[in-house]
Amino acid sequence: MSLGVLFLILEVSLILFVPEPINWLDPQELYANHFSLGYTLVPNQRAFTHSSTVVTNSYGLRDREFTLKPEIGRFRILCLGDSLTFGNGVDSNSTYPKQLEVLLNSSGQQGYEVINAGVPGYDTWQVAAYLNQYGFQFSPKLVIIGFYANDIVPKPKAIHQTIDEVSGFMRKKGAEGLFSYETIHILKRSRLLLLLRDRYQKLMNGISPTPEYIHQTALLTGRVDRFVEDGWKEVEASLIEMTKLARQHNFALLIVIFPMPEQVIRMYPHARYPAKLKEIAESNHIPYIDLMPLFLERFNGFGSLFIDWDGHPNAQAYKIAAEAIYHIFFENNMVSCLNHN
């Protein structure tokens, strides 16, 4: 009883100092194993990302139903990427593809379709593979690649089955494997437990860093790391593959570079991300948008652009991305150029 009372006192007192936990609803989005992509979103599902609704169409995309070929006079854009394109933790209408679609259609010039083909966890090689196997069949005029630092990884030598066939969820690792997702989501409603977990992870990364922490630190500090170097080679190879597909199927490419939250909070003068990515894009003549300056300009505390306890961009950050794409779209007269190709 004493421990319970102490827990409640600490929990209540943290309301004044600690951000509100994420409200999780179950089931979260569901996946199916795939022979070459690793996994895909389950088609025709209704689930949640945090507490926001996820509805997928018959193609397994977080979007409305659409035909393979766009209607005559419709300009179709395909957005590829990971959870930042998919929109972890936000409503579908708040993702940057859907906000971009609204902006473009408000211009009154012609009809636009912006398809959200983002899949949480996808790396660059998976984006390229998806585009090759499925993406170009939608006949896009423009393909936008939403890029984030954790995409800088080499392609695995073997495609592993990471999805539990019964539940449709990613297989859990470590101590989390002892609990159901529902139990984990209930525990994550506690500010005290979240704070203790955060401090514990930081302590352990100082003692025995995780591969993810080593990867992030190498990118931020510019330290040479073999895994990161192999990752950059994979990124360039995947982007080159996508430029070939663009020429074959007559569409344009655009990379949208999302900054790491750490880079918005403080300066890292020796960071290799996104500088190295911009070098690769320029050498292969791929246009890009670096969102870092815009994020720095509008940053007003972590919660202003990122989801607390999560780190993904929030609706306001996606609005910045959509507006940036919208401006470069018309500044470069992409519609006229692509419609004449």
Foldseek 3Di string as FASTA:
>chain_A
DVVVVVQVVVQVVCVVPFDAFQAADPDDWFWDQDQPLLIATDAQDWTHQRNEIAGHHRVRFRDDDDDLEDDPFEAEEEEEEACLLSPRPAYPCLRLQNLLLVVVVVVVPTHYHYGRRYYHPGALLSRLVCCVPPVCSSVHQEYEYEDELVNLFADDPHRDNQADPPPRDGQDDDPCNVDDPVVVSVQSSGRVSLVVVVVVLVVVCVVPNDPVRVSVVCQLQVPDDPRSVNSLVRNLVSVVSVVVVCVVSQHAYEYEYDYFLVCLVDPRPNGVPPVVVVVSCVVVVHHYHYCNVVCNVQDDDQVSFADPSPRHGYSVVSNSSSVVCNVVCVVVVSVVVSVVD
